[in-house]
Structures are given as structure tokens and as C-alpha cells.
N, C-alpha and C. Protein backbone atom coordinates (compact mmCIF):
# COMPACT_ATOMS: atom_id res chain seq x y z
N MET A 1 101.98 82.26 81.50
CA MET A 1 103.08 83.30 81.03
C MET A 1 103.58 82.55 80.17
N LEU A 2 104.27 83.09 79.14
CA LEU A 2 105.74 82.90 78.83
C LEU A 2 106.64 83.59 78.53
N ALA A 3 107.96 83.69 78.84
CA ALA A 3 108.75 84.66 78.81
C ALA A 3 109.89 84.29 77.86
N ASP A 4 110.31 84.90 76.78
CA ASP A 4 111.65 84.03 76.01
C ASP A 4 112.36 85.26 76.55
N THR A 5 113.16 84.70 77.12
CA THR A 5 114.50 85.73 77.67
C THR A 5 115.36 85.79 76.55
N ASP A 6 115.66 85.04 75.63
CA ASP A 6 116.89 85.01 74.53
C ASP A 6 116.27 86.19 73.86
N THR A 7 114.91 86.46 73.60
CA THR A 7 114.71 87.99 72.92
C THR A 7 115.57 89.02 73.52
N LEU A 8 115.66 88.92 74.90
CA LEU A 8 116.48 90.16 75.28
C LEU A 8 117.77 90.44 74.85
N ASN A 9 118.46 89.11 74.17
CA ASN A 9 119.71 89.49 73.82
C ASN A 9 119.97 90.14 72.59
N THR A 10 118.63 90.53 71.97
CA THR A 10 118.57 91.16 70.96
C THR A 10 118.41 92.93 70.95
N LEU A 11 118.47 93.30 72.00
CA LEU A 11 118.05 94.66 72.67
C LEU A 11 119.27 95.25 72.66
N SER A 12 119.64 96.63 72.44
CA SER A 12 120.93 97.60 72.67
C SER A 12 121.07 97.33 74.45
N ASP A 13 122.27 98.10 74.82
CA ASP A 13 122.65 97.90 76.17
C ASP A 13 121.65 99.14 76.75
N ARG A 14 121.43 100.33 76.15
CA ARG A 14 120.37 101.15 76.14
C ARG A 14 119.26 100.51 76.51
N GLU A 15 118.52 99.93 75.78
CA GLU A 15 116.92 99.36 75.98
C GLU A 15 116.70 98.35 76.90
N PHE A 16 118.07 97.54 77.38
CA PHE A 16 118.10 96.61 78.32
C PHE A 16 117.94 97.32 79.68
N ALA A 17 118.85 98.43 79.48
CA ALA A 17 118.93 99.16 80.70
C ALA A 17 117.65 99.87 81.05
N ALA A 18 117.08 100.56 80.11
CA ALA A 18 115.48 100.68 80.39
C ALA A 18 114.63 99.80 80.66
N GLY A 19 114.82 98.59 80.50
CA GLY A 19 113.39 97.86 80.87
C GLY A 19 114.10 97.14 82.05
N TYR A 20 115.48 97.50 82.63
CA TYR A 20 115.99 96.96 84.23
C TYR A 20 115.58 97.65 85.04
N ALA A 21 115.11 98.95 84.71
CA ALA A 21 114.37 100.03 85.59
C ALA A 21 112.99 99.66 86.35
N GLU A 22 112.33 99.07 85.41
CA GLU A 22 110.93 98.41 85.73
C GLU A 22 111.45 97.04 86.77
N MET A 23 112.23 96.51 86.57
CA MET A 23 112.70 95.51 87.60
C MET A 23 112.75 96.11 89.07
N VAL A 24 113.55 96.92 89.03
CA VAL A 24 114.22 97.63 89.95
C VAL A 24 112.86 98.28 90.62
N LYS A 25 112.02 98.98 90.06
CA LYS A 25 110.76 99.33 90.35
C LYS A 25 110.09 98.23 91.29
N TYR A 26 109.99 97.05 90.76
CA TYR A 26 109.42 96.00 91.96
C TYR A 26 110.03 96.04 93.28
N GLY A 27 111.23 96.03 93.36
CA GLY A 27 111.88 95.99 94.57
C GLY A 27 111.57 97.47 95.40
N LEU A 28 111.68 98.34 94.66
CA LEU A 28 111.35 99.45 95.44
C LEU A 28 109.75 99.84 96.37
N ILE A 29 108.93 99.10 95.28
CA ILE A 29 107.75 98.92 95.81
C ILE A 29 107.43 98.31 96.79
N ASP A 30 107.69 96.96 97.13
CA ASP A 30 107.03 96.15 98.33
C ASP A 30 108.28 94.76 98.74
N GLN A 31 109.39 94.97 97.76
CA GLN A 31 110.05 93.64 97.93
C GLN A 31 111.47 94.35 98.07
N PRO A 32 111.95 95.06 99.33
CA PRO A 32 113.29 95.27 99.60
C PRO A 32 114.20 94.23 99.60
N ASP A 33 114.02 93.15 99.89
CA ASP A 33 115.12 92.07 99.62
C ASP A 33 115.21 91.91 98.10
N PHE A 34 114.19 91.71 97.40
CA PHE A 34 114.48 91.84 95.82
C PHE A 34 115.47 93.03 95.27
N PHE A 35 115.34 94.12 95.97
CA PHE A 35 116.08 94.96 95.32
C PHE A 35 117.42 95.00 95.84
N HIS A 36 117.76 94.70 97.38
CA HIS A 36 119.17 94.17 97.62
C HIS A 36 119.60 93.11 96.84
N TRP A 37 118.97 92.10 96.50
CA TRP A 37 119.37 91.19 95.39
C TRP A 37 119.77 91.51 94.37
N LEU A 38 119.08 92.64 93.63
CA LEU A 38 119.52 93.37 92.60
C LEU A 38 120.83 93.95 92.53
N GLU A 39 121.26 94.76 93.63
CA GLU A 39 122.46 95.43 94.03
C GLU A 39 123.60 94.22 93.92
N LYS A 40 123.05 93.08 94.56
CA LYS A 40 124.51 92.09 94.51
C LYS A 40 124.56 91.47 93.08
N ASN A 41 123.57 91.46 92.42
CA ASN A 41 123.55 90.48 91.10
C ASN A 41 123.41 91.21 89.79
N ARG A 42 123.22 92.51 89.71
CA ARG A 42 123.33 93.26 88.62
C ARG A 42 124.04 93.13 87.22
N LYS A 43 125.32 92.88 87.79
CA LYS A 43 126.04 92.32 86.72
C LYS A 43 125.70 91.22 86.16
N SER A 44 125.21 90.36 86.55
CA SER A 44 124.84 88.77 86.42
C SER A 44 123.70 88.89 85.32
N VAL A 45 122.75 89.70 86.21
CA VAL A 45 121.19 89.54 85.26
C VAL A 45 121.68 90.41 83.84
N PHE A 46 122.52 91.49 83.82
CA PHE A 46 122.82 91.74 82.56
C PHE A 46 123.50 91.09 81.72
N ALA A 47 124.36 90.26 82.20
CA ALA A 47 124.95 88.93 81.23
C ALA A 47 124.39 88.14 80.73
N GLY A 48 123.02 87.64 81.36
CA GLY A 48 122.27 86.95 81.30
C GLY A 48 122.22 85.55 81.91
N GLY A 49 121.57 84.74 81.43
CA GLY A 49 121.82 83.19 82.25
C GLY A 49 120.60 83.07 83.50
N THR A 50 121.08 82.20 84.60
CA THR A 50 120.03 82.06 85.42
C THR A 50 119.60 83.28 86.42
N ALA A 51 120.45 84.17 86.48
CA ALA A 51 120.41 85.54 87.61
C ALA A 51 119.32 86.40 86.70
N ARG A 52 119.48 86.37 85.29
CA ARG A 52 118.50 87.18 84.37
C ARG A 52 117.19 86.42 84.51
N ALA A 53 117.16 85.33 84.53
CA ALA A 53 115.89 84.35 84.77
C ALA A 53 115.16 84.52 86.05
N GLU A 54 115.94 84.80 86.88
CA GLU A 54 115.53 84.66 88.81
C GLU A 54 114.96 85.97 88.57
N ALA A 55 115.71 87.05 87.94
CA ALA A 55 114.84 88.57 87.99
C ALA A 55 113.72 88.51 87.46
N ILE A 56 113.43 87.96 86.15
CA ILE A 56 112.22 87.98 85.56
C ILE A 56 111.39 87.40 86.09
N ALA A 57 111.47 86.38 86.57
CA ALA A 57 110.77 85.57 87.70
C ALA A 57 110.12 86.50 88.79
N ARG A 58 111.00 87.14 89.58
CA ARG A 58 110.64 87.75 90.63
C ARG A 58 109.88 88.63 90.28
N SER A 59 110.07 89.28 89.13
CA SER A 59 109.30 90.75 89.05
C SER A 59 108.12 90.45 88.43
N CYS A 60 107.82 89.35 87.67
CA CYS A 60 106.57 88.93 87.45
C CYS A 60 105.60 88.67 88.74
N GLU A 61 106.44 87.89 89.30
CA GLU A 61 105.56 87.37 90.69
C GLU A 61 105.09 88.66 91.66
N ALA A 62 106.13 89.85 91.58
CA ALA A 62 105.76 91.05 92.28
C ALA A 62 104.73 91.79 91.62
N LYS A 63 104.72 91.81 90.34
CA LYS A 63 103.33 92.42 89.33
C LYS A 63 102.22 91.77 89.89
N ALA A 64 102.22 90.49 89.91
CA ALA A 64 101.19 89.55 89.83
C ALA A 64 100.51 89.72 91.37
N ALA A 65 101.08 89.54 92.43
CA ALA A 65 100.81 90.15 93.75
C ALA A 65 100.19 91.55 93.92
N VAL A 66 100.60 92.64 93.25
CA VAL A 66 100.39 93.73 93.46
C VAL A 66 98.53 93.66 92.76
N VAL A 67 98.50 93.06 91.42
CA VAL A 67 97.39 93.20 90.66
C VAL A 67 96.42 92.50 91.39
N ALA A 68 96.88 91.14 91.72
CA ALA A 68 95.89 90.09 92.48
C ALA A 68 95.10 90.79 93.75
N ALA A 69 95.84 91.77 94.34
CA ALA A 69 95.46 92.72 95.35
C ALA A 69 94.40 93.83 94.97
N ASP A 70 94.55 93.79 93.97
CA ASP A 70 93.60 95.12 93.50
C ASP A 70 92.88 95.06 91.94
N GLU A 71 92.30 93.81 91.88
CA GLU A 71 91.97 93.19 90.70
C GLU A 71 91.00 94.29 90.02
N ARG A 72 90.59 95.39 90.47
CA ARG A 72 89.44 96.39 90.00
C ARG A 72 90.00 97.76 89.59
N GLU A 73 91.40 97.49 90.09
CA GLU A 73 92.24 99.11 90.41
C GLU A 73 91.69 100.24 90.81
N ASN A 74 91.28 99.34 92.15
CA ASN A 74 90.72 100.73 93.11
C ASN A 74 91.50 101.36 94.11
N GLY A 75 92.76 100.65 94.02
CA GLY A 75 93.72 101.19 94.88
C GLY A 75 95.44 100.83 94.89
N ALA A 76 95.51 100.14 95.51
CA ALA A 76 97.15 99.47 95.47
C ALA A 76 97.57 99.09 94.48
N ARG A 77 97.04 99.14 93.13
CA ARG A 77 97.48 98.91 91.66
C ARG A 77 98.15 100.19 91.63
N ALA A 78 97.69 101.14 91.85
CA ALA A 78 98.63 102.47 91.67
C ALA A 78 100.26 102.61 92.08
N LEU A 79 100.19 101.62 92.78
CA LEU A 79 101.65 101.45 93.31
C LEU A 79 102.71 101.14 92.27
N LEU A 80 102.18 100.48 91.43
CA LEU A 80 102.60 100.08 89.79
C LEU A 80 103.20 101.33 89.22
N ASN A 81 102.91 102.54 89.46
CA ASN A 81 103.15 103.89 88.95
C ASN A 81 104.38 104.36 89.67
N LEU A 82 104.74 103.71 90.30
CA LEU A 82 106.03 104.56 90.97
C LEU A 82 107.32 104.75 90.21
N GLY A 83 107.40 106.54 89.96
CA GLY A 83 108.41 106.86 89.19
C GLY A 83 107.71 107.65 88.05
N HIS A 84 106.40 107.04 87.87
CA HIS A 84 105.73 107.30 86.18
C HIS A 84 105.09 108.84 86.46
N THR A 85 104.98 109.26 87.45
CA THR A 85 104.28 110.85 87.32
C THR A 85 105.47 111.65 86.99
N PHE A 86 106.69 111.52 87.52
CA PHE A 86 107.34 112.52 86.86
C PHE A 86 107.75 111.75 85.74
N GLY A 87 108.12 110.86 85.76
CA GLY A 87 108.47 110.43 84.24
C GLY A 87 108.04 110.51 83.03
N HIS A 88 106.59 110.39 83.16
CA HIS A 88 105.85 110.85 82.12
C HIS A 88 105.56 112.32 81.85
N ALA A 89 106.09 113.12 82.96
CA ALA A 89 106.12 114.68 82.46
C ALA A 89 107.31 114.99 81.78
N LEU A 90 108.66 114.14 82.23
CA LEU A 90 109.75 114.17 81.33
C LEU A 90 109.61 113.84 80.06
N GLU A 91 109.25 112.64 79.94
CA GLU A 91 108.82 112.06 78.63
C GLU A 91 107.93 113.48 77.71
N ARG A 92 106.90 113.57 78.20
CA ARG A 92 106.32 114.77 77.64
C ARG A 92 106.80 116.06 77.10
N ALA A 93 108.08 116.49 78.10
CA ALA A 93 108.72 117.57 78.00
C ALA A 93 109.98 117.23 76.95
N THR A 94 110.18 116.25 76.54
CA THR A 94 111.17 116.09 75.45
C THR A 94 110.41 115.73 74.51
N GLY A 95 108.99 115.83 74.32
CA GLY A 95 108.59 115.47 72.92
C GLY A 95 108.31 113.92 72.66
N TYR A 96 108.49 113.26 73.72
CA TYR A 96 108.81 111.47 73.20
C TYR A 96 109.69 111.41 72.21
N ASP A 97 110.60 112.02 72.24
CA ASP A 97 111.83 112.02 71.49
C ASP A 97 112.75 110.73 72.02
N SER A 98 112.97 109.55 71.30
CA SER A 98 113.60 108.51 72.07
C SER A 98 114.81 108.79 72.11
N ALA A 99 115.62 109.60 71.05
CA ALA A 99 116.95 110.02 71.08
C ALA A 99 117.33 110.72 72.10
N ARG A 100 116.43 111.23 73.04
CA ARG A 100 116.56 112.15 74.07
C ARG A 100 116.24 111.13 75.58
N LEU A 101 115.17 110.71 75.42
CA LEU A 101 115.00 110.04 76.72
C LEU A 101 113.81 108.47 76.16
N VAL A 102 114.08 107.62 76.72
CA VAL A 102 113.40 106.64 76.52
C VAL A 102 112.32 106.54 77.43
N HIS A 103 111.18 105.51 77.53
CA HIS A 103 110.18 105.62 78.63
C HIS A 103 110.99 105.05 80.23
N GLY A 104 111.71 103.67 79.72
CA GLY A 104 112.34 103.33 81.09
C GLY A 104 113.41 103.98 81.93
N GLU A 105 113.92 105.18 81.16
CA GLU A 105 114.95 105.88 81.34
C GLU A 105 113.98 107.31 82.44
N GLY A 106 112.87 107.51 81.40
CA GLY A 106 112.27 108.46 82.36
C GLY A 106 111.61 108.09 83.70
N VAL A 107 111.35 106.50 83.48
CA VAL A 107 110.95 105.78 84.75
C VAL A 107 112.13 105.80 85.85
N ALA A 108 113.06 105.56 85.64
CA ALA A 108 114.85 105.76 86.32
C ALA A 108 114.49 107.15 87.07
N ILE A 109 114.54 108.36 86.28
CA ILE A 109 114.64 109.41 86.88
C ILE A 109 113.53 109.61 87.87
N GLY A 110 112.47 109.45 87.68
CA GLY A 110 111.01 109.39 88.09
C GLY A 110 111.09 109.03 89.53
N MET A 111 111.73 107.50 89.51
CA MET A 111 111.72 106.89 90.73
C MET A 111 112.96 107.43 91.75
N VAL A 112 113.91 107.91 91.32
CA VAL A 112 115.00 108.89 91.87
C VAL A 112 114.18 110.01 92.34
N LEU A 113 113.67 111.22 91.74
CA LEU A 113 113.11 112.24 92.23
C LEU A 113 111.56 111.72 93.31
N ALA A 114 110.93 110.99 93.19
CA ALA A 114 109.97 110.14 93.79
C ALA A 114 110.69 110.31 95.36
N HIS A 115 111.91 109.29 95.29
CA HIS A 115 112.43 109.10 96.78
C HIS A 115 112.95 110.41 97.29
N GLU A 116 113.69 111.32 96.59
CA GLU A 116 114.37 112.56 97.12
C GLU A 116 112.92 113.54 97.31
N PHE A 117 111.80 113.50 96.56
CA PHE A 117 110.65 114.21 97.18
C PHE A 117 110.05 113.80 98.43
N SER A 118 110.31 112.47 98.51
CA SER A 118 109.92 111.72 100.11
C SER A 118 110.76 112.47 100.96
N VAL A 119 111.94 112.28 100.73
CA VAL A 119 113.03 113.00 101.69
C VAL A 119 112.39 114.53 101.80
N ARG A 120 112.32 115.37 100.80
CA ARG A 120 111.97 116.61 101.13
C ARG A 120 110.86 116.76 102.03
N MET A 121 109.76 115.56 101.99
CA MET A 121 108.64 116.21 102.57
C MET A 121 108.54 115.23 103.98
N ASN A 122 110.03 114.86 104.62
CA ASN A 122 110.24 114.50 105.76
C ASN A 122 109.84 113.15 105.90
N LEU A 123 109.41 112.09 104.72
CA LEU A 123 109.05 110.95 104.73
C LEU A 123 109.74 109.46 104.84
N ALA A 124 111.17 110.03 104.53
CA ALA A 124 112.23 108.73 104.20
C ALA A 124 113.45 109.28 104.30
N SER A 125 114.25 108.30 104.18
CA SER A 125 115.69 108.93 104.85
C SER A 125 116.76 109.17 103.47
N PRO A 126 117.19 110.44 103.51
CA PRO A 126 118.45 110.55 102.28
C PRO A 126 119.13 109.40 102.10
N ASP A 127 119.60 108.79 102.93
CA ASP A 127 120.39 107.57 102.82
C ASP A 127 119.60 106.60 101.30
N ASP A 128 118.51 106.41 101.52
CA ASP A 128 117.61 105.39 100.81
C ASP A 128 117.75 105.98 99.49
N ALA A 129 117.36 107.46 99.45
CA ALA A 129 117.52 108.24 97.98
C ALA A 129 118.48 108.01 97.47
N LYS A 130 119.78 108.04 97.83
CA LYS A 130 121.42 108.05 97.74
C LYS A 130 121.33 106.80 97.10
N ARG A 131 121.03 105.63 98.10
CA ARG A 131 120.97 104.36 97.31
C ARG A 131 120.65 104.16 95.85
N VAL A 132 119.18 104.44 95.81
CA VAL A 132 118.37 104.22 94.71
C VAL A 132 119.08 104.51 93.63
N ALA A 133 119.44 106.11 93.65
CA ALA A 133 120.22 106.92 92.52
C ALA A 133 121.67 105.95 92.32
N ALA A 134 122.26 105.35 93.00
CA ALA A 134 123.56 104.87 92.85
C ALA A 134 123.45 103.46 92.24
N HIS A 135 122.30 102.92 92.55
CA HIS A 135 121.99 101.79 91.82
C HIS A 135 121.55 101.82 90.39
N LEU A 136 120.78 102.76 89.99
CA LEU A 136 120.15 102.83 88.92
C LEU A 136 121.53 103.56 88.16
N ARG A 137 122.10 104.41 88.22
CA ARG A 137 123.44 104.76 88.06
C ARG A 137 124.50 104.15 87.42
N GLU A 138 124.70 103.05 88.56
CA GLU A 138 125.59 101.76 88.18
C GLU A 138 125.02 100.98 86.89
N ALA A 139 123.83 100.87 86.62
CA ALA A 139 123.11 100.01 85.86
C ALA A 139 123.23 100.74 84.41
N GLY A 140 123.60 102.12 84.51
CA GLY A 140 123.76 102.74 83.21
C GLY A 140 122.59 103.64 82.73
N LEU A 141 122.03 103.91 84.01
CA LEU A 141 120.77 104.78 83.65
C LEU A 141 120.66 106.24 84.24
N PRO A 142 120.04 107.19 83.42
CA PRO A 142 119.93 108.32 83.88
C PRO A 142 119.21 108.72 85.46
N THR A 143 119.67 109.41 86.08
CA THR A 143 119.11 109.69 87.13
C THR A 143 118.85 110.88 87.68
N THR A 144 119.01 111.91 86.91
CA THR A 144 118.85 113.50 87.38
C THR A 144 118.05 114.01 86.20
N ILE A 145 117.64 115.16 86.27
CA ILE A 145 116.69 115.76 85.21
C ILE A 145 118.21 116.48 84.34
N ASP A 146 119.32 116.77 84.96
CA ASP A 146 120.38 117.43 84.33
C ASP A 146 120.85 116.08 83.31
N ASP A 147 120.64 114.81 83.58
CA ASP A 147 121.00 113.71 82.51
C ASP A 147 120.55 113.67 80.95
N ILE A 148 119.27 114.35 81.20
CA ILE A 148 118.48 114.44 80.01
C ILE A 148 119.29 115.78 78.89
N ASP A 149 119.43 114.87 77.50
CA ASP A 149 120.25 115.88 76.79
C ASP A 149 119.10 117.02 75.90
N GLY A 150 119.74 118.15 75.72
CA GLY A 150 118.83 119.28 75.62
C GLY A 150 118.16 120.34 76.50
N THR A 151 117.73 120.81 76.15
CA THR A 151 117.10 122.11 77.10
C THR A 151 115.52 121.85 77.51
N LEU A 152 115.59 121.67 78.63
CA LEU A 152 113.93 121.47 79.12
C LEU A 152 113.19 122.42 79.49
N PRO A 153 111.84 122.32 79.61
CA PRO A 153 110.90 123.51 79.57
C PRO A 153 111.14 124.15 81.35
N PRO A 154 110.82 125.04 81.46
CA PRO A 154 110.76 125.76 83.11
C PRO A 154 109.79 124.83 84.09
N PRO A 155 110.25 124.73 85.15
CA PRO A 155 109.57 123.91 86.18
C PRO A 155 107.70 124.38 86.02
N ASP A 156 107.61 125.35 85.64
CA ASP A 156 105.83 125.37 85.88
C ASP A 156 105.10 124.77 84.54
N ILE A 157 106.05 124.76 83.36
CA ILE A 157 105.59 123.99 82.30
C ILE A 157 105.72 122.48 82.56
N LEU A 158 106.68 121.98 83.56
CA LEU A 158 106.74 120.73 83.67
C LEU A 158 105.39 120.35 84.58
N MET A 159 105.26 121.20 85.54
CA MET A 159 103.83 121.16 86.36
C MET A 159 102.69 121.17 85.65
N ASP A 160 102.50 121.94 84.31
CA ASP A 160 101.48 121.45 83.75
C ASP A 160 101.47 119.95 83.30
N ALA A 161 102.59 119.69 82.77
CA ALA A 161 102.65 118.13 82.30
C ALA A 161 102.09 117.22 83.44
N ILE A 162 102.68 117.50 84.76
CA ILE A 162 102.25 116.80 85.63
C ILE A 162 100.72 116.78 85.88
N GLY A 163 100.03 117.72 85.64
CA GLY A 163 98.71 118.31 85.93
C GLY A 163 97.92 117.43 84.77
N GLN A 164 98.53 116.89 83.63
CA GLN A 164 97.54 116.45 82.93
C GLN A 164 97.96 114.69 83.03
N ASP A 165 98.42 114.38 83.95
CA ASP A 165 98.70 113.01 84.08
C ASP A 165 97.71 112.21 84.59
N LYS A 166 97.47 110.95 84.23
CA LYS A 166 96.34 110.44 84.60
C LYS A 166 95.90 110.20 86.20
N LYS A 167 97.00 110.25 86.91
CA LYS A 167 97.13 109.93 88.47
C LYS A 167 96.18 111.14 88.95
N VAL A 168 96.05 112.42 88.19
CA VAL A 168 95.55 113.84 88.59
C VAL A 168 93.77 113.39 88.94
N LYS A 169 93.61 113.39 90.20
CA LYS A 169 92.03 113.21 90.26
C LYS A 169 91.66 114.40 91.02
N GLY A 170 90.35 114.95 90.33
CA GLY A 170 89.72 116.05 91.33
C GLY A 170 90.84 117.49 91.50
N GLY A 171 91.31 117.25 90.52
CA GLY A 171 92.43 118.36 90.55
C GLY A 171 93.60 118.55 91.61
N LYS A 172 93.34 117.38 92.22
CA LYS A 172 94.48 116.94 93.17
C LYS A 172 95.71 116.41 92.71
N LEU A 173 97.06 116.46 93.08
CA LEU A 173 98.02 115.64 92.49
C LEU A 173 97.96 114.24 93.80
N THR A 174 98.17 113.16 92.90
CA THR A 174 98.61 111.92 93.50
C THR A 174 100.06 111.08 93.32
N PHE A 175 100.56 111.19 93.83
CA PHE A 175 102.04 110.23 93.59
C PHE A 175 102.21 109.08 94.56
N ILE A 176 103.06 108.35 94.02
CA ILE A 176 103.53 107.40 94.55
C ILE A 176 104.74 107.77 95.41
N LEU A 177 104.74 107.79 96.53
CA LEU A 177 105.87 108.16 97.43
C LEU A 177 106.29 107.17 98.45
N THR A 178 107.45 107.18 99.25
CA THR A 178 107.72 106.25 99.88
C THR A 178 108.28 106.80 101.62
N HIS A 179 108.51 105.51 101.98
CA HIS A 179 108.79 105.64 103.51
C HIS A 179 110.38 105.14 103.54
N GLY A 180 110.64 104.33 102.48
CA GLY A 180 112.14 103.95 102.54
C GLY A 180 112.16 102.94 101.23
N ILE A 181 113.31 102.12 100.93
CA ILE A 181 113.40 101.04 100.01
C ILE A 181 112.08 100.15 100.54
N GLY A 182 111.39 99.81 99.53
CA GLY A 182 110.30 98.80 99.53
C GLY A 182 109.11 99.20 100.30
N GLU A 183 108.99 100.44 100.38
CA GLU A 183 107.84 100.88 101.48
C GLU A 183 107.16 101.92 100.68
N ALA A 184 106.81 101.89 99.59
CA ALA A 184 105.85 102.93 98.40
C ALA A 184 104.45 102.83 99.12
N PHE A 185 104.14 104.09 98.98
CA PHE A 185 102.34 104.11 99.27
C PHE A 185 102.08 105.56 98.56
N ILE A 186 100.44 105.00 98.45
CA ILE A 186 99.99 106.36 97.26
C ILE A 186 99.50 107.51 98.40
N ALA A 187 100.44 108.60 97.86
CA ALA A 187 99.78 109.89 98.65
C ALA A 187 98.95 110.99 97.81
N ASP A 188 97.82 111.22 98.18
CA ASP A 188 96.95 111.87 97.62
C ASP A 188 96.92 113.16 98.07
N ASP A 189 96.55 114.13 97.36
CA ASP A 189 96.51 115.36 97.52
C ASP A 189 97.61 115.92 98.00
N VAL A 190 98.93 115.90 97.22
CA VAL A 190 100.13 116.39 97.30
C VAL A 190 100.04 117.76 97.14
N PRO A 191 100.88 118.87 98.05
CA PRO A 191 100.74 120.01 97.69
C PRO A 191 101.36 120.53 96.22
N THR A 192 100.81 121.09 95.50
CA THR A 192 101.34 121.50 93.99
C THR A 192 102.58 122.39 94.57
N SER A 193 102.44 123.30 95.52
CA SER A 193 103.82 124.04 95.46
C SER A 193 104.53 123.56 95.97
N GLU A 194 105.14 122.36 96.99
CA GLU A 194 105.86 121.78 96.97
C GLU A 194 106.56 120.95 96.08
N VAL A 195 105.71 120.66 94.76
CA VAL A 195 106.12 119.91 93.73
C VAL A 195 107.05 120.99 92.77
N LEU A 196 106.26 122.08 92.79
CA LEU A 196 106.93 123.35 92.10
C LEU A 196 108.18 123.50 92.87
N ALA A 197 108.20 123.72 93.93
CA ALA A 197 109.56 124.34 94.61
C ALA A 197 110.54 123.19 94.50
N PHE A 198 110.00 121.79 94.53
CA PHE A 198 111.10 120.77 94.33
C PHE A 198 111.79 120.82 93.15
N LEU A 199 110.64 120.90 91.91
CA LEU A 199 111.41 120.72 90.51
C LEU A 199 112.25 122.11 90.16
N THR A 200 111.78 123.14 90.91
CA THR A 200 112.73 124.54 90.60
C THR A 200 113.99 124.24 91.06
N GLU A 201 114.30 123.37 92.28
CA GLU A 201 115.65 123.03 93.11
C GLU A 201 116.09 122.28 92.04
N LYS A 202 115.60 121.18 91.31
CA LYS A 202 116.55 120.25 90.85
C LYS A 202 116.82 120.95 89.71
N GLN A 203 115.91 122.03 88.76
CA GLN A 203 116.61 122.54 87.57
C GLN A 203 117.60 123.26 87.78
N THR A 204 117.97 124.10 89.15
CA THR A 204 118.62 124.99 89.34
C THR A 204 120.04 124.40 89.93
N GLN A 205 120.08 123.15 90.04
CA GLN A 205 121.48 122.78 90.63
C GLN A 205 122.37 122.59 90.06
């Protein structure tokens, strides 16, 4: 595989940050040391040079490891969807208007929501959720639903969008949740009522 890192210099700050969210995702899935490294080296990654090259290499290695462990997409590869169930719903809710939200920004908000929902379900520490949000915010990414410009549909409409997500099987909601940074897992049959209550709280805060 060849990665032309010079091409990244042509991106706007917003688009680069959106791509950076995907790097962060690999740390949050099962590479806590990588997430910690990003916390210390974020500015250098954004500046370019060896830190950026290392971040890209480590991201590729992390993704390859997940894919190799589940070549037929029967299980573990779903972990790559961390943040995407909420993120896709938000993208759909904005009409895929890139002026309001680009994919990486939706993933960033989605990853924060996944960690916060895990806290709500007593699966993870609030400190980890705050740490994730703080890092993404420092990278210039949106981290809350309120960060999206314009009015969003009410929680029940967002739930409809989540219900259309490809990770819904047999009418049961499947989320990638977490026990902490680098401890993501597949949660099947997540109660719809809990998700709706969570989204309602987030849109009224």
C-alpha cells in the first residue's frame, strides 16, 4: 500500500481534522497507547513531517489488524464502525449538507456520543468520555449535537435514522460501545428506549 502524505497538504484545516477523527478512532477501538500518543503529538501530526507519517502508519496497521481478524466480516470488523451509528444518523438528519457536517465530523460527534452512552449504561467511566471529547475538541472537531449548525429534527426522527442504519439486524439495534479508551466492543440488542432517552437529553441540554 502506498500513502502519498504530501496530498494531505492540499486539504483545508476542516477536512484534515475530519480525517484525523478516523485516526483517533483506531486508538479508541483497541489501541489505547496510540490514543495517548495522539494526545501528546496532535499538533505535530497536524503540522506534518515524521509525526504525521507515523500516525498514518499506525492507523493503517490498526485497521489491517482488525480486518485480518475478520476477513469475512462476521464479527470483529464491525468495531471499525465506532461512532458511525450516531454519526450516520446525524449526517442523514442534515441532509448530507457538507456545509453543516462532513463525514469525519459526524464520526467525531458519534464517538463522543458512543462513549457518553456507554457511561449512561454503566459500562465506562465518565472520565474517559470527557477525555475523548476534550481531545477531539482540541483538534478543532465538533463534539456535541449542538455544534452542528442549524436545527436538527427531534429525537424520534433521529431514532428513525438510526433504525435505517446498516448495523440494525432483525429490528435490533447494534452499537459499538466501550468499556473505556481502547476497549470498544459490539453491543447487540441495545434497548431503543435507552437510546431515545439519551438523545432526548442531549438535545435538551
